[in-house]
Amino acid sequence: MNVSDASRAPIFAGVDVGASHTKVALIDASGQLLGNAVKKSGVDFSATAATCLNRALAMTDCRPEQVKRCISTGYGRHNVTYANGNRTEIGCHALGCYFYFSEAITVIDIGGQDNKIIKLDAGGRRISFKMNRKCAAGTGAFLEEMSLRLDIPLSAMDALARQSTEIVNIGSYCTVFSATEVLEYIRHGKRVQDIVKGLYVSVVRRVLEMDAMTENVVMSGGVVAHHPFLVDLAEEQIGRKIRTPPFPQLAGAIGAALYARNGNTNKNE
């Protein structure tokens, strides 16, 4: 496709407004990712969604009028003023992962505020799903809180966990009680690297205990994108390889864009 063709071709947008971050994905008719943007959702979801769309468009040679259809998803999906319709997080994350792994899969999505386990059959139809909304333990918010307690940057945690030589057990199911355990380990002289790995293991256990895994497992979400060591630890727990899509943090936004491409708009499922 030459430049003039690209400037006329329709594109499709997906907007995933999470409680933590907003993601926008722009795809063409084949599903190829053309542009994307990620920004903290902040307190004005509508403004953040608009900013992300503009940033994603700036990555491409496309103009705003080429966006043929847009679907929103996520916690703030009803705040995207330019969307033509919306879909649930479950549907969008499932479609976004199935697009890259078109077989029977279990999708594990670790988000900033919740976790999702979605089971799909070989045709991409949803068999079941489970979602954890009751506690921050096992989510990105848990790791953010622990980074503050340890006084280390969140971005440094993955590298630190990989340097661990001893796993410390974080047994509590509560973020507050886990913080108390962390303080006790610090008081007893445990290395930060070992504490961080213990926190990662805790996250993985919380997620895997939500449901049994099928043969083919895919992990997605912003937490997975920024803490890929979680995938390694999950592989150790289930004893087999786990795959991730090319853009783990954008899985929901890509799924929403695929719904837009497919012409699915106002079905809230």
C-alpha atoms as a PDB file:
ATOM      1  CA  MET A   1       0.000   0.000   0.000  1.00  0.00           C
ATOM      2  CA  ASN A   2       1.462   3.360  -0.998  1.00  0.00           C
ATOM      3  CA  VAL A   3       1.197   6.558   1.028  1.00  0.00           C
ATOM      4  CA  SER A   4      -1.822   7.851  -0.868  1.00  0.00           C
ATOM      5  CA  ASP A   5      -3.669   4.565  -0.325  1.00  0.00           C
ATOM      6  CA  ALA A   6      -2.784   4.608   3.379  1.00  0.00           C
ATOM      7  CA  SER A   7      -4.183   8.115   3.695  1.00  0.00           C
ATOM      8  CA  ARG A   8      -7.602   6.880   2.454  1.00  0.00           C
ATOM      9  CA  ALA A   9      -7.851   3.386   3.973  1.00  0.00           C
ATOM     10  CA  PRO A  10     -10.278   2.961   6.875  1.00  0.00           C
ATOM     11  CA  ILE A  11      -8.845   2.203  10.304  1.00  0.00           C
ATOM     12  CA  PHE A  12     -10.499   0.946  13.463  1.00  0.00           C
ATOM     13  CA  ALA A  13      -9.983   2.075  17.048  1.00  0.00           C
ATOM     14  CA  GLY A  14     -10.198   0.286  20.369  1.00  0.00           C
ATOM     15  CA  VAL A  15     -10.106   2.152  23.687  1.00  0.00           C
ATOM     16  CA  ASP A  16      -9.539   0.350  26.967  1.00  0.00           C
ATOM     17  CA  VAL A  17     -10.151   2.733  29.860  1.00  0.00           C
ATOM     18  CA  GLY A  18      -8.844   0.953  32.919  1.00  0.00           C
ATOM     19  CA  ALA A  19      -8.936   2.205  36.486  1.00  0.00           C
ATOM     20  CA  SER A  20      -5.166   2.632  36.282  1.00  0.00           C
ATOM     21  CA  HIS A  21      -4.279   3.291  32.624  1.00  0.00           C
ATOM     22  CA  THR A  22      -6.070   4.059  29.373  1.00  0.00           C
ATOM     23  CA  LYS A  23      -4.933   2.270  26.215  1.00  0.00           C
ATOM     24  CA  VAL A  24      -5.797   3.013  22.593  1.00  0.00           C
ATOM     25  CA  ALA A  25      -5.046   0.713  19.652  1.00  0.00           C
ATOM     26  CA  LEU A  26      -5.506   1.534  15.961  1.00  0.00           C
ATOM     27  CA  ILE A  27      -5.649  -1.337  13.472  1.00  0.00           C
ATOM     28  CA  ASP A  28      -6.214  -1.716   9.752  1.00  0.00           C
ATOM     29  CA  ALA A  29      -8.633  -4.103   8.061  1.00  0.00           C
ATOM     30  CA  SER A  30      -6.180  -7.004   8.426  1.00  0.00           C
ATOM     31  CA  GLY A  31      -5.792  -6.446  12.165  1.00  0.00           C
ATOM     32  CA  GLN A  32      -2.289  -5.020  11.935  1.00  0.00           C
ATOM     33  CA  LEU A  33      -1.493  -2.609  14.752  1.00  0.00           C
ATOM     34  CA  LEU A  34      -0.829   0.818  13.244  1.00  0.00           C
ATOM     35  CA  GLY A  35      -0.619   3.043  16.303  1.00  0.00           C
ATOM     36  CA  ASN A  36      -1.146   2.935  20.028  1.00  0.00           C
ATOM     37  CA  ALA A  37      -0.959   5.016  23.179  1.00  0.00           C
ATOM     38  CA  VAL A  38      -0.972   4.377  26.923  1.00  0.00           C
ATOM     39  CA  LYS A  39      -1.588   7.003  29.596  1.00  0.00           C
ATOM     40  CA  LYS A  40      -2.615   7.032  33.245  1.00  0.00           C
ATOM     41  CA  SER A  41      -6.390   7.325  33.332  1.00  0.00           C
ATOM     42  CA  GLY A  42      -6.342  10.091  35.908  1.00  0.00           C
ATOM     43  CA  VAL A  43      -9.570  11.769  37.024  1.00  0.00           C
ATOM     44  CA  ASP A  44     -10.976  12.743  33.604  1.00  0.00           C
ATOM     45  CA  PHE A  45     -11.481   9.552  31.611  1.00  0.00           C
ATOM     46  CA  SER A  46     -12.967  11.355  28.610  1.00  0.00           C
ATOM     47  CA  ALA A  47     -10.029  13.739  28.268  1.00  0.00           C
ATOM     48  CA  THR A  48      -7.496  10.946  28.697  1.00  0.00           C
ATOM     49  CA  ALA A  49      -9.215   8.826  26.032  1.00  0.00           C
ATOM     50  CA  ALA A  50      -9.131  11.775  23.630  1.00  0.00           C
ATOM     51  CA  THR A  51      -5.443  12.411  24.324  1.00  0.00           C
ATOM     52  CA  CYS A  52      -4.603   8.752  23.741  1.00  0.00           C
ATOM     53  CA  LEU A  53      -6.445   8.701  20.427  1.00  0.00           C
ATOM     54  CA  ASN A  54      -4.537  11.757  19.237  1.00  0.00           C
ATOM     55  CA  ARG A  55      -1.231  10.230  20.310  1.00  0.00           C
ATOM     56  CA  ALA A  56      -2.024   6.953  18.558  1.00  0.00           C
ATOM     57  CA  LEU A  57      -2.989   8.776  15.360  1.00  0.00           C
ATOM     58  CA  ALA A  58       0.268  10.743  15.528  1.00  0.00           C
ATOM     59  CA  MET A  59       2.162   7.446  15.197  1.00  0.00           C
ATOM     60  CA  THR A  60       0.516   6.773  11.839  1.00  0.00           C
ATOM     61  CA  ASP A  61       0.067   8.471   8.477  1.00  0.00           C
ATOM     62  CA  CYS A  62      -3.678   8.397   9.076  1.00  0.00           C
ATOM     63  CA  ARG A  63      -6.129  11.206   9.682  1.00  0.00           C
ATOM     64  CA  PRO A  64      -8.880  11.263  12.340  1.00  0.00           C
ATOM     65  CA  GLU A  65     -11.601  10.988   9.693  1.00  0.00           C
ATOM     66  CA  GLN A  66     -10.194   7.601   8.639  1.00  0.00           C
ATOM     67  CA  VAL A  67     -11.362   6.055  11.909  1.00  0.00           C
ATOM     68  CA  LYS A  68     -14.380   4.204  10.591  1.00  0.00           C
ATOM     69  CA  ARG A  69     -15.536   2.778  13.898  1.00  0.00           C
ATOM     70  CA  CYS A  70     -14.450   2.787  17.540  1.00  0.00           C
ATOM     71  CA  ILE A  71     -15.331   0.444  20.402  1.00  0.00           C
ATOM     72  CA  SER A  72     -14.571   1.182  24.041  1.00  0.00           C
ATOM     73  CA  THR A  73     -14.059  -1.220  26.922  1.00  0.00           C
ATOM     74  CA  GLY A  74     -12.828  -1.245  30.480  1.00  0.00           C
ATOM     75  CA  TYR A  75     -13.848   0.414  33.716  1.00  0.00           C
ATOM     76  CA  GLY A  76     -14.488   3.766  32.047  1.00  0.00           C
ATOM     77  CA  ARG A  77     -15.834   2.561  28.713  1.00  0.00           C
ATOM     78  CA  HIS A  78     -18.960   4.733  28.984  1.00  0.00           C
ATOM     79  CA  ASN A  79     -16.788   7.854  29.278  1.00  0.00           C
ATOM     80  CA  VAL A  80     -15.340   7.601  25.750  1.00  0.00           C
ATOM     81  CA  THR A  81     -17.385  10.216  23.954  1.00  0.00           C
ATOM     82  CA  TYR A  82     -16.171   9.357  20.458  1.00  0.00           C
ATOM     83  CA  ALA A  83     -16.866   5.597  20.680  1.00  0.00           C
ATOM     84  CA  ASN A  84     -19.586   4.046  18.525  1.00  0.00           C
ATOM     85  CA  GLY A  85     -20.308   1.362  21.096  1.00  0.00           C
ATOM     86  CA  ASN A  86     -18.780  -0.629  23.905  1.00  0.00           C
ATOM     87  CA  ARG A  87     -17.919  -4.171  24.931  1.00  0.00           C
ATOM     88  CA  THR A  88     -16.999  -5.743  28.231  1.00  0.00           C
ATOM     89  CA  GLU A  89     -13.400  -6.273  29.308  1.00  0.00           C
ATOM     90  CA  ILE A  90     -13.941 -10.034  29.242  1.00  0.00           C
ATOM     91  CA  GLY A  91     -14.950 -10.049  25.586  1.00  0.00           C
ATOM     92  CA  CYS A  92     -12.222  -7.652  24.469  1.00  0.00           C
ATOM     93  CA  HIS A  93      -9.352  -9.324  26.308  1.00  0.00           C
ATOM     94  CA  ALA A  94     -10.504 -12.695  25.016  1.00  0.00           C
ATOM     95  CA  LEU A  95     -10.685 -11.521  21.396  1.00  0.00           C
ATOM     96  CA  GLY A  96      -7.410  -9.613  21.663  1.00  0.00           C
ATOM     97  CA  CYS A  97      -5.550 -12.747  22.781  1.00  0.00           C
ATOM     98  CA  TYR A  98      -7.420 -15.167  20.501  1.00  0.00           C
ATOM     99  CA  PHE A  99      -6.434 -13.042  17.506  1.00  0.00           C
ATOM    100  CA  TYR A 100      -2.810 -14.040  18.114  1.00  0.00           C
ATOM    101  CA  PHE A 101      -3.441 -17.566  19.411  1.00  0.00           C
ATOM    102  CA  SER A 102      -6.406 -18.979  17.510  1.00  0.00           C
ATOM    103  CA  GLU A 103      -6.994 -22.193  19.465  1.00  0.00           C
ATOM    104  CA  ALA A 104      -8.507 -23.308  22.745  1.00  0.00           C
ATOM    105  CA  ILE A 105      -6.795 -21.162  25.386  1.00  0.00           C
ATOM    106  CA  THR A 106      -7.022 -19.948  28.948  1.00  0.00           C
ATOM    107  CA  VAL A 107      -6.380 -16.209  29.125  1.00  0.00           C
ATOM    108  CA  ILE A 108      -4.922 -14.822  32.342  1.00  0.00           C
ATOM    109  CA  ASP A 109      -5.158 -11.041  32.431  1.00  0.00           C
ATOM    110  CA  ILE A 110      -3.494  -9.292  35.381  1.00  0.00           C
ATOM    111  CA  GLY A 111      -4.654  -5.716  35.615  1.00  0.00           C
ATOM    112  CA  GLY A 112      -4.076  -2.776  37.893  1.00  0.00           C
ATOM    113  CA  GLN A 113      -7.204  -3.419  39.953  1.00  0.00           C
ATOM    114  CA  ASP A 114      -8.443  -6.914  39.064  1.00  0.00           C
ATOM    115  CA  ASN A 115      -7.555 -10.258  37.519  1.00  0.00           C
ATOM    116  CA  LYS A 116      -9.447 -12.163  34.873  1.00  0.00           C
ATOM    117  CA  ILE A 117      -9.306 -15.804  33.810  1.00  0.00           C
ATOM    118  CA  ILE A 118     -11.131 -16.465  30.550  1.00  0.00           C
ATOM    119  CA  LYS A 119     -11.464 -19.869  28.908  1.00  0.00           C
ATOM    120  CA  LEU A 120     -12.075 -20.075  25.156  1.00  0.00           C
ATOM    121  CA  ASP A 121     -12.766 -23.056  22.923  1.00  0.00           C
ATOM    122  CA  ALA A 122     -10.979 -23.690  19.624  1.00  0.00           C
ATOM    123  CA  GLY A 123     -13.427 -21.416  17.803  1.00  0.00           C
ATOM    124  CA  GLY A 124     -12.829 -18.509  20.173  1.00  0.00           C
ATOM    125  CA  ARG A 125     -16.157 -18.899  21.977  1.00  0.00           C
ATOM    126  CA  ARG A 126     -16.079 -18.167  25.674  1.00  0.00           C
ATOM    127  CA  ILE A 127     -16.551 -21.227  27.869  1.00  0.00           C
ATOM    128  CA  SER A 128     -16.201 -19.545  31.240  1.00  0.00           C
ATOM    129  CA  PHE A 129     -14.605 -16.649  33.049  1.00  0.00           C
ATOM    130  CA  LYS A 130     -13.724 -15.668  36.567  1.00  0.00           C
ATOM    131  CA  MET A 131     -12.831 -12.253  37.904  1.00  0.00           C
ATOM    132  CA  ASN A 132     -11.279 -11.168  41.172  1.00  0.00           C
ATOM    133  CA  ARG A 133     -12.551  -7.806  42.392  1.00  0.00           C
ATOM    134  CA  LYS A 134     -12.610  -8.359  46.145  1.00  0.00           C
ATOM    135  CA  CYS A 135      -9.033  -7.578  47.075  1.00  0.00           C
ATOM    136  CA  ALA A 136      -5.992  -5.872  45.570  1.00  0.00           C
ATOM    137  CA  ALA A 137      -3.789  -8.882  46.385  1.00  0.00           C
ATOM    138  CA  GLY A 138      -2.586 -10.415  43.128  1.00  0.00           C
ATOM    139  CA  THR A 139      -3.032  -7.228  41.092  1.00  0.00           C
ATOM    140  CA  GLY A 140      -0.897  -4.342  39.921  1.00  0.00           C
ATOM    141  CA  ALA A 141      -2.155  -2.238  42.825  1.00  0.00           C
ATOM    142  CA  PHE A 142      -0.641  -4.781  45.208  1.00  0.00           C
ATOM    143  CA  LEU A 143       2.784  -4.463  43.583  1.00  0.00           C
ATOM    144  CA  GLU A 144       2.522  -0.663  43.581  1.00  0.00           C
ATOM    145  CA  GLU A 145       1.770  -0.680  47.300  1.00  0.00           C
ATOM    146  CA  MET A 146       4.674  -3.026  48.012  1.00  0.00           C
ATOM    147  CA  SER A 147       7.094  -0.892  45.979  1.00  0.00           C
ATOM    148  CA  LEU A 148       6.183   2.032  48.232  1.00  0.00           C
ATOM    149  CA  ARG A 149       6.663  -0.061  51.354  1.00  0.00           C
ATOM    150  CA  LEU A 150      10.086  -1.203  50.143  1.00  0.00           C
ATOM    151  CA  ASP A 151      10.983   2.276  48.857  1.00  0.00           C
ATOM    152  CA  ILE A 152      12.038   0.962  45.456  1.00  0.00           C
ATOM    153  CA  PRO A 153      10.774   2.002  41.997  1.00  0.00           C
ATOM    154  CA  LEU A 154       8.044  -0.209  40.599  1.00  0.00           C
ATOM    155  CA  SER A 155      10.072  -0.443  37.388  1.00  0.00           C
ATOM    156  CA  ALA A 156      13.001  -1.990  39.291  1.00  0.00           C
ATOM    157  CA  MET A 157      11.065  -4.874  40.814  1.00  0.00           C
ATOM    158  CA  ASP A 158      11.292  -7.319  37.910  1.00  0.00           C
ATOM    159  CA  ALA A 159      15.094  -7.140  37.735  1.00  0.00           C
ATOM    160  CA  LEU A 160      15.373  -7.433  41.512  1.00  0.00           C
ATOM    161  CA  ALA A 161      13.153 -10.518  41.636  1.00  0.00           C
ATOM    162  CA  ARG A 162      15.339 -12.232  39.052  1.00  0.00           C
ATOM    163  CA  GLN A 163      18.360 -11.782  41.364  1.00  0.00           C
ATOM    164  CA  SER A 164      16.735 -13.675  44.230  1.00  0.00           C
ATOM    165  CA  THR A 165      18.476 -16.700  45.717  1.00  0.00           C
ATOM    166  CA  GLU A 166      15.900 -17.467  48.417  1.00  0.00           C
ATOM    167  CA  ILE A 167      12.139 -17.253  48.278  1.00  0.00           C
ATOM    168  CA  VAL A 168      10.406 -15.766  51.283  1.00  0.00           C
ATOM    169  CA  ASN A 169       6.798 -16.794  51.757  1.00  0.00           C
ATOM    170  CA  ILE A 170       4.138 -14.071  51.670  1.00  0.00           C
ATOM    171  CA  GLY A 171       1.209 -16.024  53.032  1.00  0.00           C
ATOM    172  CA  SER A 172      -1.451 -13.405  53.663  1.00  0.00           C
ATOM    173  CA  TYR A 173      -4.428 -12.920  51.379  1.00  0.00           C
ATOM    174  CA  CYS A 174      -4.704  -9.266  52.419  1.00  0.00           C
ATOM    175  CA  THR A 175      -2.545  -6.420  51.097  1.00  0.00           C
ATOM    176  CA  VAL A 176      -2.409  -4.790  54.526  1.00  0.00           C
ATOM    177  CA  PHE A 177      -1.308  -7.996  56.255  1.00  0.00           C
ATOM    178  CA  SER A 178       1.162  -8.711  53.432  1.00  0.00           C
ATOM    179  CA  ALA A 179       2.750  -5.331  54.118  1.00  0.00           C
ATOM    180  CA  THR A 180       3.152  -6.367  57.749  1.00  0.00           C
ATOM    181  CA  GLU A 181       4.861  -9.585  56.629  1.00  0.00           C
ATOM    182  CA  VAL A 182       7.210  -7.576  54.418  1.00  0.00           C
ATOM    183  CA  LEU A 183       8.159  -5.328  57.339  1.00  0.00           C
ATOM    184  CA  GLU A 184       8.879  -8.396  59.457  1.00  0.00           C
ATOM    185  CA  TYR A 185      11.174  -9.817  56.771  1.00  0.00           C
ATOM    186  CA  ILE A 186      13.002  -6.505  56.567  1.00  0.00           C
ATOM    187  CA  ARG A 187      13.403  -6.485  60.343  1.00  0.00           C
ATOM    188  CA  HIS A 188      14.913  -9.978  60.186  1.00  0.00           C
ATOM    189  CA  GLY A 189      17.422  -8.920  57.543  1.00  0.00           C
ATOM    190  CA  LYS A 190      15.980 -10.617  54.468  1.00  0.00           C
ATOM    191  CA  ARG A 191      17.331  -9.345  51.152  1.00  0.00           C
ATOM    192  CA  VAL A 192      15.091  -7.040  49.126  1.00  0.00           C
ATOM    193  CA  GLN A 193      15.574  -9.286  46.075  1.00  0.00           C
ATOM    194  CA  ASP A 194      14.166 -12.266  47.966  1.00  0.00           C
ATOM    195  CA  ILE A 195      11.244 -10.279  49.351  1.00  0.00           C
ATOM    196  CA  VAL A 196      10.325  -9.021  45.883  1.00  0.00           C
ATOM    197  CA  LYS A 197      10.412 -12.526  44.442  1.00  0.00           C
ATOM    198  CA  GLY A 198       8.208 -13.634  47.326  1.00  0.00           C
ATOM    199  CA  LEU A 199       5.743 -10.915  46.378  1.00  0.00           C
ATOM    200  CA  TYR A 200       5.780 -12.052  42.759  1.00  0.00           C
ATOM    201  CA  VAL A 201       5.188 -15.657  43.797  1.00  0.00           C
ATOM    202  CA  SER A 202       2.294 -14.449  45.940  1.00  0.00           C
ATOM    203  CA  VAL A 203       0.721 -12.698  42.938  1.00  0.00           C
ATOM    204  CA  VAL A 204       1.049 -15.817  40.785  1.00  0.00           C
ATOM    205  CA  ARG A 205      -0.478 -18.037  43.454  1.00  0.00           C
ATOM    206  CA  ARG A 206      -3.423 -15.702  43.945  1.00  0.00           C
ATOM    207  CA  VAL A 207      -4.138 -15.751  40.221  1.00  0.00           C
ATOM    208  CA  LEU A 208      -3.676 -19.475  39.600  1.00  0.00           C
ATOM    209  CA  GLU A 209      -5.886 -20.462  42.505  1.00  0.00           C
ATOM    210  CA  MET A 210      -8.833 -18.712  40.832  1.00  0.00           C
ATOM    211  CA  ASP A 211      -9.368 -21.546  38.348  1.00  0.00           C
ATOM    212  CA  ALA A 212      -7.762 -24.640  36.823  1.00  0.00           C
ATOM    213  CA  MET A 213      -5.596 -24.037  33.759  1.00  0.00           C
ATOM    214  CA  THR A 214      -6.146 -25.703  30.392  1.00  0.00           C
ATOM    215  CA  GLU A 215      -3.311 -26.973  28.206  1.00  0.00           C
ATOM    216  CA  ASN A 216      -2.716 -23.678  26.391  1.00  0.00           C
ATOM    217  CA  VAL A 217      -2.292 -20.625  28.618  1.00  0.00           C
ATOM    218  CA  VAL A 218      -1.844 -17.001  27.522  1.00  0.00           C
ATOM    219  CA  MET A 219      -1.001 -14.137  29.899  1.00  0.00           C
ATOM    220  CA  SER A 220      -1.774 -10.505  29.130  1.00  0.00           C
ATOM    221  CA  GLY A 221      -2.210  -7.134  30.793  1.00  0.00           C
ATOM    222  CA  GLY A 222      -0.111  -4.171  31.803  1.00  0.00           C
ATOM    223  CA  VAL A 223       1.265  -5.961  34.863  1.00  0.00           C
ATOM    224  CA  VAL A 224       2.526  -8.789  32.663  1.00  0.00           C
ATOM    225  CA  ALA A 225       4.043  -6.284  30.226  1.00  0.00           C
ATOM    226  CA  HIS A 226       6.033  -4.537  32.967  1.00  0.00           C
ATOM    227  CA  HIS A 227       6.709  -7.573  35.157  1.00  0.00           C
ATOM    228  CA  PRO A 228       7.445 -10.409  32.694  1.00  0.00           C
ATOM    229  CA  PHE A 229       9.114 -12.472  35.436  1.00  0.00           C
ATOM    230  CA  LEU A 230       5.571 -13.271  36.567  1.00  0.00           C
ATOM    231  CA  VAL A 231       5.189 -15.358  33.412  1.00  0.00           C
ATOM    232  CA  ASP A 232       8.317 -17.350  34.250  1.00  0.00           C
ATOM    233  CA  LEU A 233       7.063 -18.006  37.765  1.00  0.00           C
ATOM    234  CA  ALA A 234       3.621 -19.024  36.504  1.00  0.00           C
ATOM    235  CA  GLU A 235       5.282 -21.468  34.109  1.00  0.00           C
ATOM    236  CA  GLU A 236       7.095 -23.032  37.048  1.00  0.00           C
ATOM    237  CA  GLN A 237       3.818 -23.369  38.926  1.00  0.00           C
ATOM    238  CA  ILE A 238       1.852 -25.069  36.130  1.00  0.00           C
ATOM    239  CA  GLY A 239       4.782 -26.952  34.611  1.00  0.00           C
ATOM    240  CA  ARG A 240       4.428 -25.824  31.011  1.00  0.00           C
ATOM    241  CA  LYS A 241       5.064 -22.954  28.630  1.00  0.00           C
ATOM    242  CA  ILE A 242       2.909 -19.849  28.809  1.00  0.00           C
ATOM    243  CA  ARG A 243       2.620 -17.496  25.860  1.00  0.00           C
ATOM    244  CA  THR A 244       2.054 -13.750  25.746  1.00  0.00           C
ATOM    245  CA  PRO A 245       0.653 -11.662  22.871  1.00  0.00           C
ATOM    246  CA  PRO A 246       3.027  -9.219  21.145  1.00  0.00           C
ATOM    247  CA  PHE A 247       1.564  -6.269  23.066  1.00  0.00           C
ATOM    248  CA  PRO A 248       0.338  -7.610  26.437  1.00  0.00           C
ATOM    249  CA  GLN A 249      -0.808  -4.247  27.777  1.00  0.00           C
ATOM    250  CA  LEU A 250      -2.853  -3.543  24.650  1.00  0.00           C
ATOM    251  CA  ALA A 251      -4.751  -6.849  24.533  1.00  0.00           C
ATOM    252  CA  GLY A 252      -8.057  -5.300  25.622  1.00  0.00           C
ATOM    253  CA  ALA A 253      -7.715  -2.288  23.314  1.00  0.00           C
ATOM    254  CA  ILE A 254      -6.781  -4.507  20.369  1.00  0.00           C
ATOM    255  CA  GLY A 255      -9.778  -6.720  21.109  1.00  0.00           C
ATOM    256  CA  ALA A 256     -12.021  -3.651  21.139  1.00  0.00           C
ATOM    257  CA  ALA A 257     -10.534  -2.516  17.816  1.00  0.00           C
ATOM    258  CA  LEU A 258     -11.196  -5.974  16.363  1.00  0.00           C
ATOM    259  CA  TYR A 259     -14.834  -5.729  17.456  1.00  0.00           C
ATOM    260  CA  ALA A 260     -14.940  -2.338  15.696  1.00  0.00           C
ATOM    261  CA  ARG A 261     -13.465  -3.872  12.559  1.00  0.00           C
ATOM    262  CA  ASN A 262     -15.945  -6.744  12.677  1.00  0.00           C
ATOM    263  CA  GLY A 263     -18.846  -4.311  12.912  1.00  0.00           C
ATOM    264  CA  ASN A 264     -19.809  -5.214  16.488  1.00  0.00           C
ATOM    265  CA  THR A 265     -20.843  -2.051  18.248  1.00  0.00           C
ATOM    266  CA  ASN A 266     -23.479  -1.773  20.952  1.00  0.00           C
ATOM    267  CA  LYS A 267     -23.572  -5.348  22.244  1.00  0.00           C
ATOM    268  CA  ASN A 268     -22.548  -5.219  25.873  1.00  0.00           C
ATOM    269  CA  GLU A 269     -21.259  -8.763  26.262  1.00  0.00           C
END
